[in-house]
Structures are given as C-alpha cells and as structure tokens.
Amino acid sequence: MNRTPTGDHMGFVGVTTGSSSIMKVFPLWADILQLPTRTLVGHDLPMNAAPAVYRGMVEQIRDDGHHRGALVTTHKMSVYAAASDLFDELDPFAVSCSEISSISKRGDRLIGRAKDPITVDLALNDFLPAGHFARTGGHVVILGAGGSGTALSWALAERDDAPARVVVTARSQDSLDHLREVHRQHGTPDDLIRYVVTETREEADAVVSGAPAGSVIANATGLGKDRPGSPLSDAVVFPEGAYAWEFNYRGSLEFMHQALAQREPRGLIVEDGWRYFIHGWSQVIADVFEISLTPEIVERLATAAEAVR
C-alpha cells in the first residue's frame, strides 16, 4: 500500500495505478472543477489480495481525515466481499452487484457506491447510435462476468432500446451463477440474458462468431490491461458490422488488436475504453467531492484529458 500525504487527497485503488493517465489528468480536472486538492494517491494492491488487506485499506481511508475518498478499479468485488460491513451506507447497485467502485464520506459516515452501471451506459451512448439494436437485430456479447461485465449487463437490461439477447461468458460456472442471482434480484427478464461457460478461448470464439451482424462484442475480462492476453484466439471471426468494445485503454490490448485486424474486411467499429475511463473517473470525483456534472463539463474534462493521453 502506498504512503499517503498529510494534506487533503483523493485515493485510487488499483493494481498499477502509477501507469494510469489519471495521474496526469487529475490535477487538470481539479483546476477545472475547482476541487479542494490536486493530489491523487495510488493504493496498489495485488490481484486477489487477502481480505485483511482490503479491510486495512478501507479503514485507512475511513480514519484519515485528509483522505476524501477513492475510486476503486479491478478490486471492486473484492472490496465489497472483504469490507462491506465497514460502510455506513451502500447503494442498491453496490448491494445487488456485490461491488464498490466509489468510496466517499459524508461527515463521519462512510459511503460505498457502485457507479459502473451508470458510467458504462454513458460510455456506450457515446458511440452506439440510438435505436441500433432495433435497426440491426444485433445482440451483445459480454466477455467476462466480473464487475464491468455485470455492470454492462445491468445497464443493458435498464435501457429502453435493449437488445433482444445478451450473452455473458465466463471461465467458471460460479461466476455465472453469481451474475444470474444479481439479475434475479434486479428483476431482469429471464429471456434476456444467456450465460455461457467458455473454458477455452476457442469456445469464446464460437460464441462471438455466432452472434448476429451488428452485435456489440465487449471485452470485460480485464485481459490486456493488468494481465496480458485476450479472451479470444487470433482465429476468431467477428460478426459483420460489429462494434468491438475494448474496455481497457492502456496495456497490451490484445483484444483490440484482434478486432483492428478485421476492421476493414468485416466492417467493424472498434472502440477502446477511453470514454469509459472519462465517465468512470468524472462520476466518482463528483461523488467524492459532492459536485454536479453537466454534459458540457464532462466534455471540458474529456478535452483536458485528451491533451495528456
């Protein structure tokens, strides 16, 4: 865990926070938003750290009067599993999805929220045309049933223009059983989500290749960022006219490169995770510092961030 400064600051809980663009972006955003601090501190934790490590990190944020709150990435579900009892308030998304992506304070109360269902929908709207699913008949294939995959499937179920079918893949049945329970509690229609175990990349290839033209294929596994690799093999065939959405914006990005190799012959639209990054951070910063965001302010933040991308 990284040493924290003595003055006011915000935290960033991740694996390799120092290489994230937010370290350069945050001071620029702090000026635009007139935040009380320009200091962002990384809390680097190994993947699948012990529960005591997550609890210690949450206790540090809670007990440090200068620590204003934090964004959590990668460890969202682990923080919830290990330390949800330390929070005075959890929002419905956090409870239903069993994850915490935003840690904030209101007086002496510690608040945990899951912002991803909101931010992933904002990012999707940035590139997907209105009425796309009704017009094309495309489905959505979500590779990965962790925090980001859960958030996207939740957001899709909430949309007025939801696709006719969402397929979520995972390497294990346990992950899919957990997601199925989240959807049951949410009241998601039984016929919307299909849950598929893909133990090999070739099995994941078959799911992607079998999706209709115009489908959205999203890499929500985390592979290509904190760990190298892709959930797909190089032999995968993307659906004609598909949107290939790489949730990551930094790292080795193998999934995105696989999609780029088929962009022209298959007519793909390839998106990385940059806008997801913009919305994810701006929404949590607004939560931590109790400020309101307008679309115009978000675009100012995006322009500032682009300068240091």
C-alpha atoms as a PDB file:
ATOM      1  CA  MET A   1       0.000   0.000   0.000  1.00  0.00           C
ATOM      2  CA  ASN A   2       1.390   3.387  -0.988  1.00  0.00           C
ATOM      3  CA  ARG A   3       2.324   6.034   1.565  1.00  0.00           C
ATOM      4  CA  THR A   4      -0.235   8.837   1.701  1.00  0.00           C
ATOM      5  CA  PRO A   5       0.498  12.559   2.110  1.00  0.00           C
ATOM      6  CA  THR A   6      -0.553  14.652   5.072  1.00  0.00           C
ATOM      7  CA  GLY A   7      -2.702  17.143   3.109  1.00  0.00           C
ATOM      8  CA  ASP A   8      -6.127  16.549   1.592  1.00  0.00           C
ATOM      9  CA  HIS A   9      -6.113  13.998  -1.196  1.00  0.00           C
ATOM     10  CA  MET A  10      -8.215  11.501  -3.130  1.00  0.00           C
ATOM     11  CA  GLY A  11      -7.316   7.823  -3.497  1.00  0.00           C
ATOM     12  CA  PHE A  12      -7.117   5.429  -6.426  1.00  0.00           C
ATOM     13  CA  VAL A  13      -7.314   1.714  -5.568  1.00  0.00           C
ATOM     14  CA  GLY A  14      -5.893  -0.483  -8.317  1.00  0.00           C
ATOM     15  CA  VAL A  15      -3.042  -2.762  -9.331  1.00  0.00           C
ATOM     16  CA  THR A  16      -0.642  -0.487 -11.255  1.00  0.00           C
ATOM     17  CA  THR A  17      -2.069   2.958 -10.576  1.00  0.00           C
ATOM     18  CA  GLY A  18       1.128   4.822 -11.398  1.00  0.00           C
ATOM     19  CA  SER A  19       0.820   3.995 -15.107  1.00  0.00           C
ATOM     20  CA  SER A  20      -2.745   5.286 -15.376  1.00  0.00           C
ATOM     21  CA  SER A  21      -3.361   8.502 -17.301  1.00  0.00           C
ATOM     22  CA  ILE A  22      -5.440   9.791 -14.402  1.00  0.00           C
ATOM     23  CA  MET A  23      -2.261  10.636 -12.512  1.00  0.00           C
ATOM     24  CA  LYS A  24      -1.601  13.390 -15.070  1.00  0.00           C
ATOM     25  CA  VAL A  25      -5.255  14.168 -15.720  1.00  0.00           C
ATOM     26  CA  PHE A  26      -6.446  14.619 -12.127  1.00  0.00           C
ATOM     27  CA  PRO A  27      -4.602  17.926 -11.440  1.00  0.00           C
ATOM     28  CA  LEU A  28      -6.046  19.392 -14.668  1.00  0.00           C
ATOM     29  CA  TRP A  29      -9.531  18.281 -13.716  1.00  0.00           C
ATOM     30  CA  ALA A  30      -9.076  19.591 -10.189  1.00  0.00           C
ATOM     31  CA  ASP A  31      -8.467  23.057 -11.640  1.00  0.00           C
ATOM     32  CA  ILE A  32     -11.491  22.871 -13.957  1.00  0.00           C
ATOM     33  CA  LEU A  33     -13.773  21.598 -11.182  1.00  0.00           C
ATOM     34  CA  GLN A  34     -12.181  23.822  -8.517  1.00  0.00           C
ATOM     35  CA  LEU A  35     -11.594  20.859  -6.220  1.00  0.00           C
ATOM     36  CA  PRO A  36     -10.002  21.411  -2.790  1.00  0.00           C
ATOM     37  CA  THR A  37      -6.991  19.257  -3.741  1.00  0.00           C
ATOM     38  CA  ARG A  38      -4.900  18.433  -6.798  1.00  0.00           C
ATOM     39  CA  THR A  39      -3.365  15.342  -5.168  1.00  0.00           C
ATOM     40  CA  LEU A  40      -4.325  11.801  -6.190  1.00  0.00           C
ATOM     41  CA  VAL A  41      -2.716   8.910  -4.297  1.00  0.00           C
ATOM     42  CA  GLY A  42      -2.492   5.358  -5.624  1.00  0.00           C
ATOM     43  CA  HIS A  43      -3.210   2.340  -3.430  1.00  0.00           C
ATOM     44  CA  ASP A  44      -1.605  -0.535  -5.352  1.00  0.00           C
ATOM     45  CA  LEU A  45      -2.872  -3.946  -4.256  1.00  0.00           C
ATOM     46  CA  PRO A  46      -2.062  -7.316  -5.839  1.00  0.00           C
ATOM     47  CA  MET A  47      -4.786  -9.201  -7.656  1.00  0.00           C
ATOM     48  CA  ASN A  48      -6.837 -11.294  -5.208  1.00  0.00           C
ATOM     49  CA  ALA A  49      -5.192  -9.811  -2.112  1.00  0.00           C
ATOM     50  CA  ALA A  50      -6.119 -11.209   1.296  1.00  0.00           C
ATOM     51  CA  PRO A  51      -9.350  -9.852   2.839  1.00  0.00           C
ATOM     52  CA  ALA A  52      -7.344  -8.240   5.647  1.00  0.00           C
ATOM     53  CA  VAL A  53      -5.508  -6.122   3.065  1.00  0.00           C
ATOM     54  CA  TYR A  54      -8.751  -4.751   1.648  1.00  0.00           C
ATOM     55  CA  ARG A  55     -10.136  -4.075   5.112  1.00  0.00           C
ATOM     56  CA  GLY A  56      -6.952  -2.260   6.114  1.00  0.00           C
ATOM     57  CA  MET A  57      -7.148  -0.065   3.035  1.00  0.00           C
ATOM     58  CA  VAL A  58     -10.800   0.843   3.688  1.00  0.00           C
ATOM     59  CA  GLU A  59     -10.049   1.543   7.353  1.00  0.00           C
ATOM     60  CA  GLN A  60      -7.187   3.816   6.330  1.00  0.00           C
ATOM     61  CA  ILE A  61      -9.491   5.846   4.081  1.00  0.00           C
ATOM     62  CA  ARG A  62     -12.184   5.968   6.777  1.00  0.00           C
ATOM     63  CA  ASP A  63      -9.877   7.050   9.603  1.00  0.00           C
ATOM     64  CA  ASP A  64      -7.698   9.589   7.757  1.00  0.00           C
ATOM     65  CA  GLY A  65      -9.402  12.968   7.968  1.00  0.00           C
ATOM     66  CA  HIS A  66      -7.427  14.218   4.960  1.00  0.00           C
ATOM     67  CA  HIS A  67      -8.438  11.274   2.750  1.00  0.00           C
ATOM     68  CA  ARG A  68     -11.538  12.500   0.898  1.00  0.00           C
ATOM     69  CA  GLY A  69     -12.458   9.175  -0.735  1.00  0.00           C
ATOM     70  CA  ALA A  70     -11.380   6.907  -3.556  1.00  0.00           C
ATOM     71  CA  LEU A  71     -12.143   5.294  -6.876  1.00  0.00           C
ATOM     72  CA  VAL A  72     -11.793   1.514  -6.899  1.00  0.00           C
ATOM     73  CA  THR A  73     -10.906  -0.387 -10.039  1.00  0.00           C
ATOM     74  CA  THR A  74     -10.089  -4.096 -10.512  1.00  0.00           C
ATOM     75  CA  HIS A  75     -10.729  -4.787  -6.811  1.00  0.00           C
ATOM     76  CA  LYS A  76     -14.373  -3.633  -6.736  1.00  0.00           C
ATOM     77  CA  MET A  77     -15.866  -7.023  -5.913  1.00  0.00           C
ATOM     78  CA  SER A  78     -13.070  -7.939  -3.508  1.00  0.00           C
ATOM     79  CA  VAL A  79     -13.526  -4.698  -1.543  1.00  0.00           C
ATOM     80  CA  TYR A  80     -17.215  -5.459  -1.168  1.00  0.00           C
ATOM     81  CA  ALA A  81     -16.639  -9.071  -0.145  1.00  0.00           C
ATOM     82  CA  ALA A  82     -13.989  -8.197   2.441  1.00  0.00           C
ATOM     83  CA  ALA A  83     -15.141  -4.851   3.813  1.00  0.00           C
ATOM     84  CA  SER A  84     -18.784  -4.080   3.021  1.00  0.00           C
ATOM     85  CA  ASP A  85     -19.607  -4.157   6.747  1.00  0.00           C
ATOM     86  CA  LEU A  86     -17.299  -1.177   7.317  1.00  0.00           C
ATOM     87  CA  PHE A  87     -19.581   1.104   5.290  1.00  0.00           C
ATOM     88  CA  ASP A  88     -22.425   3.046   6.853  1.00  0.00           C
ATOM     89  CA  GLU A  89     -24.313   3.198   3.569  1.00  0.00           C
ATOM     90  CA  LEU A  90     -24.285   1.163   0.359  1.00  0.00           C
ATOM     91  CA  ASP A  91     -26.355   1.999  -2.712  1.00  0.00           C
ATOM     92  CA  PRO A  92     -28.653  -0.581  -4.353  1.00  0.00           C
ATOM     93  CA  PHE A  93     -26.205  -1.199  -7.212  1.00  0.00           C
ATOM     94  CA  ALA A  94     -23.425  -1.987  -4.743  1.00  0.00           C
ATOM     95  CA  VAL A  95     -25.584  -4.447  -2.818  1.00  0.00           C
ATOM     96  CA  SER A  96     -27.065  -6.157  -5.866  1.00  0.00           C
ATOM     97  CA  CYS A  97     -23.799  -6.326  -7.822  1.00  0.00           C
ATOM     98  CA  SER A  98     -21.643  -7.016  -4.729  1.00  0.00           C
ATOM     99  CA  GLU A  99     -19.086  -4.393  -5.693  1.00  0.00           C
ATOM    100  CA  ILE A 100     -17.878  -0.968  -4.621  1.00  0.00           C
ATOM    101  CA  SER A 101     -16.278   1.424  -7.102  1.00  0.00           C
ATOM    102  CA  SER A 102     -16.714   4.711  -5.222  1.00  0.00           C
ATOM    103  CA  ILE A 103     -15.733   5.349  -1.598  1.00  0.00           C
ATOM    104  CA  SER A 104     -16.868   8.705  -0.237  1.00  0.00           C
ATOM    105  CA  LYS A 105     -17.543  10.390   3.091  1.00  0.00           C
ATOM    106  CA  ARG A 106     -20.456  12.412   4.382  1.00  0.00           C
ATOM    107  CA  GLY A 107     -19.430  13.725   7.788  1.00  0.00           C
ATOM    108  CA  ASP A 108     -18.482  10.686   9.844  1.00  0.00           C
ATOM    109  CA  ARG A 109     -20.345   8.307   7.511  1.00  0.00           C
ATOM    110  CA  LEU A 110     -18.511   6.105   5.005  1.00  0.00           C
ATOM    111  CA  ILE A 111     -20.443   5.602   1.766  1.00  0.00           C
ATOM    112  CA  GLY A 112     -19.914   2.867  -0.824  1.00  0.00           C
ATOM    113  CA  ARG A 113     -21.423   3.072  -4.288  1.00  0.00           C
ATOM    114  CA  ALA A 114     -21.229   1.049  -7.499  1.00  0.00           C
ATOM    115  CA  LYS A 115     -21.065   3.659 -10.263  1.00  0.00           C
ATOM    116  CA  ASP A 116     -20.277   1.296 -13.138  1.00  0.00           C
ATOM    117  CA  PRO A 117     -23.863   0.655 -14.308  1.00  0.00           C
ATOM    118  CA  ILE A 118     -24.168   4.416 -14.833  1.00  0.00           C
ATOM    119  CA  THR A 119     -20.741   5.048 -16.345  1.00  0.00           C
ATOM    120  CA  VAL A 120     -20.797   2.055 -18.689  1.00  0.00           C
ATOM    121  CA  ASP A 121     -24.143   3.206 -20.099  1.00  0.00           C
ATOM    122  CA  LEU A 122     -22.822   6.744 -20.610  1.00  0.00           C
ATOM    123  CA  ALA A 123     -19.810   5.333 -22.461  1.00  0.00           C
ATOM    124  CA  LEU A 124     -21.996   3.057 -24.603  1.00  0.00           C
ATOM    125  CA  ASN A 125     -24.183   6.001 -25.599  1.00  0.00           C
ATOM    126  CA  ASP A 126     -21.102   7.914 -26.738  1.00  0.00           C
ATOM    127  CA  PHE A 127     -20.508   5.567 -29.673  1.00  0.00           C
ATOM    128  CA  LEU A 128     -23.621   3.440 -30.263  1.00  0.00           C
ATOM    129  CA  PRO A 129     -26.280   5.111 -32.446  1.00  0.00           C
ATOM    130  CA  ALA A 130     -29.760   5.453 -30.967  1.00  0.00           C
ATOM    131  CA  GLY A 131     -32.052   2.589 -31.944  1.00  0.00           C
ATOM    132  CA  HIS A 132     -29.101   0.457 -33.059  1.00  0.00           C
ATOM    133  CA  PHE A 133     -30.406  -2.886 -31.778  1.00  0.00           C
ATOM    134  CA  ALA A 134     -33.906  -2.477 -33.201  1.00  0.00           C
ATOM    135  CA  ARG A 135     -32.477  -1.409 -36.558  1.00  0.00           C
ATOM    136  CA  THR A 136     -29.802  -4.120 -36.888  1.00  0.00           C
ATOM    137  CA  GLY A 137     -31.042  -7.020 -34.783  1.00  0.00           C
ATOM    138  CA  GLY A 138     -27.616  -7.159 -33.172  1.00  0.00           C
ATOM    139  CA  HIS A 139     -27.020  -8.804 -29.820  1.00  0.00           C
ATOM    140  CA  VAL A 140     -24.436  -8.040 -27.123  1.00  0.00           C
ATOM    141  CA  VAL A 141     -21.711 -10.499 -26.154  1.00  0.00           C
ATOM    142  CA  ILE A 142     -20.011  -9.635 -22.869  1.00  0.00           C
ATOM    143  CA  LEU A 143     -16.754 -11.491 -22.366  1.00  0.00           C
ATOM    144  CA  GLY A 144     -16.321 -11.637 -18.585  1.00  0.00           C
ATOM    145  CA  ALA A 145     -18.774 -11.797 -15.684  1.00  0.00           C
ATOM    146  CA  GLY A 146     -16.811  -9.680 -13.208  1.00  0.00           C
ATOM    147  CA  GLY A 147     -17.584  -6.156 -12.110  1.00  0.00           C
ATOM    148  CA  SER A 148     -17.554  -4.461 -15.519  1.00  0.00           C
ATOM    149  CA  GLY A 149     -19.416  -7.285 -17.240  1.00  0.00           C
ATOM    150  CA  THR A 150     -22.039  -7.286 -14.510  1.00  0.00           C
ATOM    151  CA  ALA A 151     -22.438  -3.520 -14.810  1.00  0.00           C
ATOM    152  CA  LEU A 152     -22.886  -3.640 -18.584  1.00  0.00           C
ATOM    153  CA  SER A 153     -25.459  -6.432 -18.392  1.00  0.00           C
ATOM    154  CA  TRP A 154     -27.348  -4.474 -15.707  1.00  0.00           C
ATOM    155  CA  ALA A 155     -27.275  -1.285 -17.772  1.00  0.00           C
ATOM    156  CA  LEU A 156     -28.482  -3.078 -20.902  1.00  0.00           C
ATOM    157  CA  ALA A 157     -31.457  -4.513 -19.004  1.00  0.00           C
ATOM    158  CA  GLU A 158     -32.383  -0.955 -17.967  1.00  0.00           C
ATOM    159  CA  ARG A 159     -32.278   0.505 -21.489  1.00  0.00           C
ATOM    160  CA  ASP A 160     -35.442   1.344 -23.381  1.00  0.00           C
ATOM    161  CA  ASP A 161     -33.644   0.132 -26.528  1.00  0.00           C
ATOM    162  CA  ALA A 162     -32.251  -3.083 -25.034  1.00  0.00           C
ATOM    163  CA  PRO A 163     -31.041  -5.785 -27.423  1.00  0.00           C
ATOM    164  CA  ALA A 164     -33.110  -8.934 -27.828  1.00  0.00           C
ATOM    165  CA  ARG A 165     -30.313 -11.058 -26.365  1.00  0.00           C
ATOM    166  CA  VAL A 166     -27.272 -10.506 -24.142  1.00  0.00           C
ATOM    167  CA  VAL A 167     -24.744 -13.332 -23.853  1.00  0.00           C
ATOM    168  CA  VAL A 168     -22.300 -13.276 -20.932  1.00  0.00           C
ATOM    169  CA  THR A 169     -19.330 -15.628 -20.870  1.00  0.00           C
ATOM    170  CA  ALA A 170     -17.042 -16.668 -18.023  1.00  0.00           C
ATOM    171  CA  ARG A 171     -14.419 -19.294 -17.363  1.00  0.00           C
ATOM    172  CA  SER A 172     -16.358 -20.778 -14.447  1.00  0.00           C
ATOM    173  CA  GLN A 173     -19.956 -21.638 -13.622  1.00  0.00           C
ATOM    174  CA  ASP A 174     -19.626 -19.993 -10.195  1.00  0.00           C
ATOM    175  CA  SER A 175     -19.144 -16.552 -11.748  1.00  0.00           C
ATOM    176  CA  LEU A 176     -22.194 -17.001 -13.931  1.00  0.00           C
ATOM    177  CA  ASP A 177     -24.303 -18.301 -11.045  1.00  0.00           C
ATOM    178  CA  HIS A 178     -23.456 -15.148  -9.096  1.00  0.00           C
ATOM    179  CA  LEU A 179     -24.395 -12.976 -12.069  1.00  0.00           C
ATOM    180  CA  ARG A 180     -27.636 -14.895 -12.564  1.00  0.00           C
ATOM    181  CA  GLU A 181     -28.564 -14.165  -8.935  1.00  0.00           C
ATOM    182  CA  VAL A 182     -27.791 -10.460  -9.427  1.00  0.00           C
ATOM    183  CA  HIS A 183     -30.163 -10.401 -12.382  1.00  0.00           C
ATOM    184  CA  ARG A 184     -32.820 -12.328 -10.467  1.00  0.00           C
ATOM    185  CA  GLN A 185     -32.742  -9.728  -7.689  1.00  0.00           C
ATOM    186  CA  HIS A 186     -32.797  -6.957 -10.265  1.00  0.00           C
ATOM    187  CA  GLY A 187     -35.866  -8.374 -11.958  1.00  0.00           C
ATOM    188  CA  THR A 188     -34.131  -8.820 -15.318  1.00  0.00           C
ATOM    189  CA  PRO A 189     -36.326 -10.712 -17.810  1.00  0.00           C
ATOM    190  CA  ASP A 190     -35.384 -14.396 -17.878  1.00  0.00           C
ATOM    191  CA  ASP A 191     -35.132 -14.487 -21.648  1.00  0.00           C
ATOM    192  CA  LEU A 192     -32.764 -11.518 -21.994  1.00  0.00           C
ATOM    193  CA  ILE A 193     -29.520 -12.985 -20.625  1.00  0.00           C
ATOM    194  CA  ARG A 194     -27.804 -16.182 -21.735  1.00  0.00           C
ATOM    195  CA  TYR A 195     -24.974 -17.458 -19.526  1.00  0.00           C
ATOM    196  CA  VAL A 196     -22.213 -19.456 -21.221  1.00  0.00           C
ATOM    197  CA  VAL A 197     -19.160 -21.131 -19.671  1.00  0.00           C
ATOM    198  CA  THR A 198     -16.160 -20.782 -22.010  1.00  0.00           C
ATOM    199  CA  GLU A 199     -13.250 -22.718 -20.533  1.00  0.00           C
ATOM    200  CA  THR A 200     -11.090 -22.125 -23.619  1.00  0.00           C
ATOM    201  CA  ARG A 201     -10.532 -19.233 -25.980  1.00  0.00           C
ATOM    202  CA  GLU A 202     -11.844 -21.379 -28.823  1.00  0.00           C
ATOM    203  CA  GLU A 203     -15.175 -21.772 -27.009  1.00  0.00           C
ATOM    204  CA  ALA A 204     -15.337 -17.988 -26.589  1.00  0.00           C
ATOM    205  CA  ASP A 205     -14.527 -17.615 -30.307  1.00  0.00           C
ATOM    206  CA  ALA A 206     -17.574 -19.722 -31.159  1.00  0.00           C
ATOM    207  CA  VAL A 207     -19.866 -17.500 -29.075  1.00  0.00           C
ATOM    208  CA  VAL A 208     -18.557 -14.346 -30.758  1.00  0.00           C
ATOM    209  CA  SER A 209     -18.644 -15.781 -34.264  1.00  0.00           C
ATOM    210  CA  GLY A 210     -22.215 -16.968 -33.731  1.00  0.00           C
ATOM    211  CA  ALA A 211     -23.541 -13.515 -32.846  1.00  0.00           C
ATOM    212  CA  PRO A 212     -25.658 -11.697 -35.462  1.00  0.00           C
ATOM    213  CA  ALA A 213     -24.316  -8.911 -37.660  1.00  0.00           C
ATOM    214  CA  GLY A 214     -24.196  -5.561 -35.886  1.00  0.00           C
ATOM    215  CA  SER A 215     -23.643  -7.086 -32.449  1.00  0.00           C
ATOM    216  CA  VAL A 216     -21.602  -5.413 -29.721  1.00  0.00           C
ATOM    217  CA  ILE A 217     -18.688  -7.574 -28.540  1.00  0.00           C
ATOM    218  CA  ALA A 218     -17.228  -6.281 -25.261  1.00  0.00           C
ATOM    219  CA  ASN A 219     -14.025  -7.373 -23.564  1.00  0.00           C
ATOM    220  CA  ALA A 220     -14.873  -7.015 -19.877  1.00  0.00           C
ATOM    221  CA  THR A 221     -12.346  -9.605 -18.683  1.00  0.00           C
ATOM    222  CA  GLY A 222      -9.531  -7.224 -17.745  1.00  0.00           C
ATOM    223  CA  LEU A 223      -7.188  -9.196 -20.002  1.00  0.00           C
ATOM    224  CA  GLY A 224      -4.974  -6.829 -21.939  1.00  0.00           C
ATOM    225  CA  LYS A 225      -4.597  -4.380 -19.065  1.00  0.00           C
ATOM    226  CA  ASP A 226      -3.335  -5.685 -15.731  1.00  0.00           C
ATOM    227  CA  ARG A 227      -2.656  -9.088 -17.275  1.00  0.00           C
ATOM    228  CA  PRO A 228      -1.604  -9.692 -20.886  1.00  0.00           C
ATOM    229  CA  GLY A 229      -3.803 -11.663 -23.214  1.00  0.00           C
ATOM    230  CA  SER A 230      -7.254 -11.790 -24.782  1.00  0.00           C
ATOM    231  CA  PRO A 231     -10.313 -13.928 -24.037  1.00  0.00           C
ATOM    232  CA  LEU A 232     -10.330 -14.775 -27.766  1.00  0.00           C
ATOM    233  CA  SER A 233      -7.879 -16.555 -30.033  1.00  0.00           C
ATOM    234  CA  ASP A 234      -6.439 -14.949 -33.159  1.00  0.00           C
ATOM    235  CA  ALA A 235      -8.662 -17.276 -35.201  1.00  0.00           C
ATOM    236  CA  VAL A 236     -11.884 -15.614 -34.019  1.00  0.00           C
ATOM    237  CA  VAL A 237     -14.220 -14.220 -36.683  1.00  0.00           C
ATOM    238  CA  PHE A 238     -16.118 -11.137 -35.563  1.00  0.00           C
ATOM    239  CA  PRO A 239     -19.700 -10.643 -36.801  1.00  0.00           C
ATOM    240  CA  GLU A 240     -20.099  -8.412 -39.842  1.00  0.00           C
ATOM    241  CA  GLY A 241     -20.509  -4.763 -38.854  1.00  0.00           C
ATOM    242  CA  ALA A 242     -19.933  -5.467 -35.165  1.00  0.00           C
ATOM    243  CA  TYR A 243     -18.880  -2.965 -32.537  1.00  0.00           C
ATOM    244  CA  ALA A 244     -15.774  -4.375 -30.830  1.00  0.00           C
ATOM    245  CA  TRP A 245     -15.521  -2.654 -27.458  1.00  0.00           C
ATOM    246  CA  GLU A 246     -12.270  -2.981 -25.550  1.00  0.00           C
ATOM    247  CA  PHE A 247     -12.993  -1.797 -22.013  1.00  0.00           C
ATOM    248  CA  ASN A 248      -9.296  -1.050 -21.458  1.00  0.00           C
ATOM    249  CA  TYR A 249      -7.464   1.953 -22.839  1.00  0.00           C
ATOM    250  CA  ARG A 250      -3.938   1.064 -21.686  1.00  0.00           C
ATOM    251  CA  GLY A 251      -1.930  -2.127 -21.562  1.00  0.00           C
ATOM    252  CA  SER A 252      -1.188  -4.702 -24.234  1.00  0.00           C
ATOM    253  CA  LEU A 253      -4.797  -4.558 -25.567  1.00  0.00           C
ATOM    254  CA  GLU A 254      -4.675  -7.856 -27.453  1.00  0.00           C
ATOM    255  CA  PHE A 255      -8.468  -7.974 -27.922  1.00  0.00           C
ATOM    256  CA  MET A 256      -8.458  -4.548 -29.553  1.00  0.00           C
ATOM    257  CA  HIS A 257      -5.634  -5.529 -31.897  1.00  0.00           C
ATOM    258  CA  GLN A 258      -7.532  -8.671 -32.886  1.00  0.00           C
ATOM    259  CA  ALA A 259     -10.527  -6.511 -33.768  1.00  0.00           C
ATOM    260  CA  LEU A 260      -8.422  -3.936 -35.619  1.00  0.00           C
ATOM    261  CA  ALA A 261      -7.021  -6.706 -37.818  1.00  0.00           C
ATOM    262  CA  GLN A 262     -10.596  -7.410 -39.007  1.00  0.00           C
ATOM    263  CA  ARG A 263     -11.844  -3.823 -39.076  1.00  0.00           C
ATOM    264  CA  GLU A 264     -11.820  -3.402 -42.846  1.00  0.00           C
ATOM    265  CA  PRO A 265     -12.736  -6.900 -44.066  1.00  0.00           C
ATOM    266  CA  ARG A 266     -15.530  -7.322 -41.505  1.00  0.00           C
ATOM    267  CA  GLY A 267     -16.636  -3.666 -41.357  1.00  0.00           C
ATOM    268  CA  LEU A 268     -16.023  -3.402 -37.632  1.00  0.00           C
ATOM    269  CA  ILE A 269     -16.242  -0.314 -35.444  1.00  0.00           C
ATOM    270  CA  VAL A 270     -13.517  -0.614 -32.817  1.00  0.00           C
ATOM    271  CA  GLU A 271     -13.740   1.326 -29.568  1.00  0.00           C
ATOM    272  CA  ASP A 272     -11.310   1.382 -26.679  1.00  0.00           C
ATOM    273  CA  GLY A 273     -12.066   2.202 -23.050  1.00  0.00           C
ATOM    274  CA  TRP A 274     -11.101   5.881 -23.104  1.00  0.00           C
ATOM    275  CA  ARG A 275     -14.612   7.291 -22.796  1.00  0.00           C
ATOM    276  CA  TYR A 276     -15.413   4.663 -20.157  1.00  0.00           C
ATOM    277  CA  PHE A 277     -12.353   5.955 -18.317  1.00  0.00           C
ATOM    278  CA  ILE A 278     -13.563   9.562 -18.641  1.00  0.00           C
ATOM    279  CA  HIS A 279     -17.059   8.807 -17.359  1.00  0.00           C
ATOM    280  CA  GLY A 280     -15.869   6.427 -14.677  1.00  0.00           C
ATOM    281  CA  TRP A 281     -13.495   8.924 -13.121  1.00  0.00           C
ATOM    282  CA  SER A 282     -15.669  12.010 -13.514  1.00  0.00           C
ATOM    283  CA  GLN A 283     -18.663  10.286 -11.910  1.00  0.00           C
ATOM    284  CA  VAL A 284     -16.647   9.138  -8.877  1.00  0.00           C
ATOM    285  CA  ILE A 285     -14.910  12.500  -8.469  1.00  0.00           C
ATOM    286  CA  ALA A 286     -18.339  14.146  -8.489  1.00  0.00           C
ATOM    287  CA  ASP A 287     -19.455  11.662  -5.835  1.00  0.00           C
ATOM    288  CA  VAL A 288     -16.411  12.152  -3.599  1.00  0.00           C
ATOM    289  CA  PHE A 289     -16.461  15.958  -3.747  1.00  0.00           C
ATOM    290  CA  GLU A 290     -20.253  16.388  -3.933  1.00  0.00           C
ATOM    291  CA  ILE A 291     -20.377  18.298  -7.192  1.00  0.00           C
ATOM    292  CA  SER A 292     -22.758  18.190 -10.154  1.00  0.00           C
ATOM    293  CA  LEU A 293     -21.711  17.356 -13.697  1.00  0.00           C
ATOM    294  CA  THR A 294     -23.316  18.556 -16.904  1.00  0.00           C
ATOM    295  CA  PRO A 295     -22.567  17.171 -20.386  1.00  0.00           C
ATOM    296  CA  GLU A 296     -20.722  20.417 -21.120  1.00  0.00           C
ATOM    297  CA  ILE A 297     -18.457  19.991 -18.076  1.00  0.00           C
ATOM    298  CA  VAL A 298     -17.771  16.357 -18.994  1.00  0.00           C
ATOM    299  CA  GLU A 299     -16.678  17.458 -22.475  1.00  0.00           C
ATOM    300  CA  ARG A 300     -14.331  20.036 -20.937  1.00  0.00           C
ATOM    301  CA  LEU A 301     -12.834  17.280 -18.809  1.00  0.00           C
ATOM    302  CA  ALA A 302     -12.521  14.989 -21.834  1.00  0.00           C
ATOM    303  CA  THR A 303     -10.736  17.699 -23.835  1.00  0.00           C
ATOM    304  CA  ALA A 304      -8.289  18.321 -20.998  1.00  0.00           C
ATOM    305  CA  ALA A 305      -7.626  14.600 -20.630  1.00  0.00           C
ATOM    306  CA  GLU A 306      -7.009  14.158 -24.345  1.00  0.00           C
ATOM    307  CA  ALA A 307      -4.068  16.547 -24.108  1.00  0.00           C
ATOM    308  CA  VAL A 308      -2.147  14.123 -21.886  1.00  0.00           C
ATOM    309  CA  ARG A 309      -3.446  10.828 -23.302  1.00  0.00           C
END
